[in-house]
Amino acid sequence: MSKLYVDEIAPKTAGNKVIMPQGGIIQTQYTQFTGTNLVALSGNTDTALTDLTVNITPTSTSSIIHLQAHIFCEHGDDDDTSWNHVFFFFRDTTKLAHAASGSRRSGISVATRTFNNVDNGSTPQMTRYDYFDSPSLTSQITYKCGVNARSAENLAINRVITDSDNNGVERGISFISATEIAG
């Protein structure tokens, strides 16, 4: 068996940029939102969650952008219609979601329900979703979390709707991240 001794391994470069092998992580950008917000939603309308926005500038047109989101929230219309919703991403103004199909609501994921009765005071929901985007760009991209709900309502982010100050009420943290992967 042979041994190889080296003092340093230099990365393969092109100009001033390190060339990553296909599938290698080039960069990660993220926004972790620790505040609270109440977002007004219109029924059947795609709405950007502006607290959950991240910018990334891909280094190559062949890069893949792995988007991840975790949203701690509570629907303000905590009845049967609040469960007719979807979460998704925007790339700038383009919706990234399941392809539209008739009058169905299209997205990536829904929020999980943590309580089976109407309660706007201590029953937060959570959604965690991913998407792989191929933007074919090397200019800055703004990604945002988005939601579409059947009815007009408020969506509480990182808190519950009533947000009263007692130990039966929860608060949390939400984030969006964009990771560039060499294509």
Protein backbone atom coordinates (compact mmCIF):
# COMPACT_ATOMS: atom_id res chain seq x y z
CA MET A 1 0.00 0.00 0.00
CA SER A 2 1.35 3.44 -0.96
CA LYS A 3 1.14 6.67 0.99
CA LEU A 4 0.73 10.11 -0.52
CA TYR A 5 2.12 13.09 1.39
CA VAL A 6 1.29 16.65 0.35
CA ASP A 7 1.61 20.03 2.03
CA GLU A 8 -1.42 21.56 0.32
CA ILE A 9 -4.14 20.67 -2.19
CA ALA A 10 -5.05 23.62 -4.39
CA PRO A 11 -8.63 23.91 -5.68
CA LYS A 12 -9.26 23.85 -9.42
CA THR A 13 -10.00 27.41 -10.50
CA ALA A 14 -11.19 29.40 -13.48
CA GLY A 15 -10.01 32.98 -13.15
CA ASN A 16 -10.63 33.94 -9.53
CA LYS A 17 -13.45 31.41 -8.97
CA VAL A 18 -13.09 27.95 -7.47
CA ILE A 19 -14.67 25.31 -9.69
CA MET A 20 -16.89 23.00 -7.66
CA PRO A 21 -17.64 19.48 -8.82
CA GLN A 22 -21.20 18.84 -9.95
CA GLY A 23 -23.41 18.64 -6.84
CA GLY A 24 -20.98 20.65 -4.69
CA ILE A 25 -22.35 23.47 -2.57
CA ILE A 26 -21.18 26.87 -3.79
CA GLN A 27 -22.99 29.23 -1.38
CA THR A 28 -25.91 29.51 1.02
CA GLN A 29 -27.91 32.67 1.70
CA TYR A 30 -30.69 32.85 4.27
CA THR A 31 -33.08 35.07 6.16
CA GLN A 32 -34.13 34.00 9.63
CA PHE A 33 -37.13 36.05 10.76
CA THR A 34 -37.37 36.32 14.56
CA GLY A 35 -39.95 39.11 14.74
CA THR A 36 -43.72 38.70 14.53
CA ASN A 37 -46.16 39.87 11.90
CA LEU A 38 -49.81 39.67 10.96
CA VAL A 39 -50.20 39.41 7.17
CA ALA A 40 -53.55 40.27 5.55
CA LEU A 41 -54.48 37.70 2.90
CA SER A 42 -57.08 38.18 0.19
CA GLY A 43 -59.06 35.10 -0.78
CA ASN A 44 -57.73 33.10 -3.75
CA THR A 45 -54.75 35.44 -4.20
CA ASP A 46 -51.02 34.57 -4.28
CA THR A 47 -49.43 36.65 -1.52
CA ALA A 48 -45.70 37.12 -0.90
CA LEU A 49 -44.57 36.91 2.72
CA THR A 50 -42.14 39.85 2.66
CA ASP A 51 -40.51 38.92 5.99
CA LEU A 52 -39.35 35.69 4.33
CA THR A 53 -37.26 36.94 1.41
CA VAL A 54 -33.69 36.04 0.44
CA ASN A 55 -31.37 37.28 -2.34
CA ILE A 56 -28.78 35.13 -4.09
CA THR A 57 -26.56 35.71 -7.14
CA PRO A 58 -25.73 32.40 -8.85
CA THR A 59 -22.17 31.98 -10.11
CA SER A 60 -23.17 29.87 -13.13
CA THR A 61 -26.16 29.46 -15.43
CA SER A 62 -25.99 25.69 -14.80
CA SER A 63 -26.41 26.05 -11.02
CA ILE A 64 -29.37 24.56 -9.16
CA ILE A 65 -30.86 26.60 -6.29
CA HIS A 66 -32.16 24.51 -3.38
CA LEU A 67 -34.84 26.53 -1.60
CA GLN A 68 -35.93 25.66 1.93
CA ALA A 69 -38.55 27.26 4.17
CA HIS A 70 -39.87 26.72 7.67
CA ILE A 71 -42.83 28.88 8.66
CA PHE A 72 -44.29 29.04 12.18
CA CYS A 73 -47.77 30.52 11.72
CA GLU A 74 -51.45 30.50 12.56
CA HIS A 75 -54.38 31.06 10.22
CA GLY A 76 -56.77 33.75 11.38
CA ASP A 77 -59.85 32.05 9.97
CA ASP A 78 -59.47 28.89 12.05
CA ASP A 79 -62.35 26.94 10.56
CA ASP A 80 -62.86 24.58 7.64
CA THR A 81 -61.93 27.17 5.00
CA SER A 82 -58.52 27.99 6.52
CA TRP A 83 -57.30 24.52 5.54
CA ASN A 84 -57.79 25.31 1.87
CA HIS A 85 -54.39 26.93 1.44
CA VAL A 86 -50.98 26.26 -0.13
CA PHE A 87 -47.47 27.58 0.46
CA PHE A 88 -44.92 28.02 -2.35
CA PHE A 89 -41.96 30.20 -3.46
CA PHE A 90 -41.63 33.15 -5.81
CA ARG A 91 -38.50 33.65 -7.96
CA ASP A 92 -38.73 37.42 -8.35
CA THR A 93 -42.37 37.52 -9.59
CA THR A 94 -42.58 33.95 -10.96
CA LYS A 95 -44.52 31.46 -8.82
CA LEU A 96 -42.63 28.21 -8.19
CA ALA A 97 -45.22 25.53 -7.46
CA HIS A 98 -47.15 22.59 -8.86
CA ALA A 99 -48.40 23.42 -12.35
CA ALA A 100 -51.82 25.05 -12.42
CA SER A 101 -54.57 22.51 -13.02
CA GLY A 102 -58.08 23.82 -13.57
CA SER A 103 -59.42 25.75 -10.57
CA ARG A 104 -57.31 23.78 -8.05
CA ARG A 105 -55.08 25.73 -5.68
CA SER A 106 -51.44 25.00 -6.68
CA GLY A 107 -48.44 25.12 -4.36
CA ILE A 108 -45.73 23.02 -2.75
CA SER A 109 -47.04 22.29 0.74
CA VAL A 110 -49.68 23.08 3.36
CA ALA A 111 -49.34 23.91 7.04
CA THR A 112 -49.97 21.10 9.51
CA ARG A 113 -52.91 21.44 11.86
CA THR A 114 -52.05 21.00 15.54
CA PHE A 115 -55.55 21.18 17.02
CA ASN A 116 -58.90 19.89 15.81
CA ASN A 117 -61.22 22.62 17.15
CA VAL A 118 -61.64 26.29 16.31
CA ASP A 119 -58.99 28.16 18.35
CA ASN A 120 -57.12 31.30 17.31
CA GLY A 121 -55.24 31.69 20.56
CA SER A 122 -52.88 28.79 21.11
CA THR A 123 -52.86 26.47 18.13
CA PRO A 124 -50.02 27.41 15.77
CA GLN A 125 -49.40 25.60 12.51
CA MET A 126 -46.10 24.83 10.83
CA THR A 127 -45.04 24.25 7.27
CA ARG A 128 -41.62 23.04 6.09
CA TYR A 129 -41.00 22.74 2.36
CA ASP A 130 -38.25 22.58 -0.29
CA TYR A 131 -37.93 23.27 -4.01
CA PHE A 132 -35.12 22.82 -6.56
CA ASP A 133 -34.98 25.72 -9.02
CA SER A 134 -32.98 25.97 -12.27
CA PRO A 135 -33.04 29.72 -12.95
CA SER A 136 -30.26 29.74 -15.63
CA LEU A 137 -29.18 33.20 -14.43
CA THR A 138 -26.06 34.84 -13.02
CA SER A 139 -27.81 38.02 -11.89
CA GLN A 140 -29.30 38.56 -8.44
CA ILE A 141 -32.51 36.65 -7.76
CA THR A 142 -34.99 37.46 -5.00
CA TYR A 143 -36.81 34.45 -3.60
CA LYS A 144 -39.86 34.86 -1.35
CA CYS A 145 -42.19 32.54 0.48
CA GLY A 146 -45.77 32.77 -0.72
CA VAL A 147 -49.22 31.61 0.34
CA ASN A 148 -52.65 31.34 -1.24
CA ALA A 149 -55.71 30.87 1.00
CA ARG A 150 -59.29 30.22 -0.02
CA SER A 151 -60.73 32.97 2.19
CA ALA A 152 -59.62 36.45 3.17
CA GLU A 153 -57.92 36.19 6.56
CA ASN A 154 -54.90 37.22 8.58
CA LEU A 155 -51.91 34.91 8.76
CA ALA A 156 -49.88 35.30 11.95
CA ILE A 157 -46.15 34.71 11.43
CA ASN A 158 -44.05 33.52 14.43
CA ARG A 159 -47.04 33.97 16.73
CA VAL A 160 -50.69 32.97 17.12
CA ILE A 161 -53.57 35.26 16.18
CA THR A 162 -54.53 36.50 19.66
CA ASP A 163 -50.91 36.49 20.95
CA SER A 164 -51.97 36.99 24.59
CA ASP A 165 -49.17 37.04 27.18
CA ASN A 166 -49.51 33.72 29.03
CA ASN A 167 -47.80 30.33 29.10
CA GLY A 168 -50.52 28.70 26.98
CA VAL A 169 -49.56 30.79 23.93
CA GLU A 170 -46.66 30.04 21.60
CA ARG A 171 -44.18 32.00 19.48
CA GLY A 172 -41.58 30.61 17.06
CA ILE A 173 -39.06 31.41 14.33
CA SER A 174 -39.32 31.15 10.54
CA PHE A 175 -36.68 31.08 7.80
CA ILE A 176 -36.03 30.89 4.08
CA SER A 177 -32.72 29.72 2.62
CA ALA A 178 -31.26 29.46 -0.89
CA THR A 179 -28.31 27.14 -1.50
CA GLU A 180 -26.48 27.23 -4.83
CA ILE A 181 -25.43 23.77 -6.03
CA ALA A 182 -22.98 23.30 -8.90
CA GLY A 183 -24.77 21.92 -11.98
